[in-house]
Amino acid sequence: MTSAWLLPEHIADVLPSEARRVEELRRSVLDTARRYGHELVIPPLLEHLESLLSGTGHELDLRTFKLVDQLSGRMLGLRADTTPQVARIDAHLLNRHGVTRLCYCGPVAHTLPAGLQTSREPLQFGAEVYGHAGLEADLEVQDLALDSLAACGVGGLVLDLADARIVRGLLDGVACDAALSQAVYAALAAKDATALRRLGAEFPEETQRGLLALTSLYGAADVLDSAETALPQRPMISAALRDLRCLAAHAALAHPEVTVGFDLADLSGYAYYSGARFAIYAKGSSDALVRGGRYDEVGAVFGRNRPAVGFSAIDLKQWVRHAGATGRRAAIRAPWSEDQTLRSAVRALRAQGETVVCMLPGHEHETLEFACDREIVAVGGEWQVRVL
């Protein structure tokens, strides 16, 4: 018999110390986004399936829990990604002209874990900019992502840049159905040159050479120089390389502590992105803490195909492992008493923002999450705070 207290695989409770740190990080990133002018939205956890999956590709469909609405009989989904919902809000509920900056932070649910150590209930934070097609919006979003991590004390950052237009440019005009295209993208993501030779056997020679070159185009800034030589001179590819140089140069100036690199075959979420994209890693992280970039087509299905660029934190709970440790929260210990002067003193301290833990009878030494470095004591008939 299964124990009633066991949770499903890759689902876990967040216990006090970690929960406090997660909440501190949540407040920090939302405050950082607000300082950039982003407005907070809270989309619903449940939504009609066709809305949740619009323009997101097959991968998100597989990760989405599905159920039947008992009121309407329509299929609903538990959101696996919040960005399509925010695009819907921008297109239909706000319907503003010009630039709109939105942010969000809430749980999503995945049918399968992304990795061995990942949760199926990540806490996703993200920020989006709608209405500006220029590279200025990409630069701002990149800055906000890096500043959000820095505000949480996450160091040793590596910014990895890529662009969806490079592969699109290589395949432009090539006879390639959906199944073959998906197989090519999978081979590129795995940097499998053998599979690429087999899959691209009927492609034009220039396209074959370009796809094979991508498998080795990763590393430092000289990757872009190599790409200029190895890839065909096509407008879409040239524009992508030019924008990547600009994004890298900006990051080097604004965030000199961040290591900037490139992986031109990084195609995670390729159905999603339409232009420059980035991933941010921290020292010791096996997967990206943040992924983002330009996805201009995400709002098309909602009838408003606006320029869009943004990012999302894969799981704020993962950030806790890389954020600077803060230890237990400082607190004031108080005896339990019905004495009204003591109770008034406790309320006054709490109103000032202090944490005051009253020791219930028989539990005088239990403070757990809190480090009581002071206590309230009676001195000359008055209650005073004394340092321990």
Foldseek 3Di string as FASTA:
>chain_A
DDDPPDDPPLADDQDDVLVVLLVVLVVLLVVLLVVVVAAEDDDDQKDQPCQLCPLQDDVQVQFWDWDADPVPRGIMTGHQDCVSVVLLCCVPVVVDAAKHKHKYWAWGATPDAPDDNHHRIFTKIKMKIWFDPDCVRVLSQVVSVVVSLVSLAFAQKAKEKAWLLQLVVLCVPPPADPVLVVQLLVCLQVLPLVSLCVSCVVPPPLSSQLSNLLSPLKWAPCSLVVNVVRHDDDPSNVVQSVSVVVSVVSCCVVPVRYHYMYRHSNCVSSSFAHTMKIFMDGVPDPGGQKIWFWGQQSNVVSPDRITMTMMMGSHSSVSSVRGDDDAAAEAEEEEDDPPPQSVVVVVVCVVVVGHYDYQDPPRRPDDPRYDHQWYWDADPNHTDIGGD
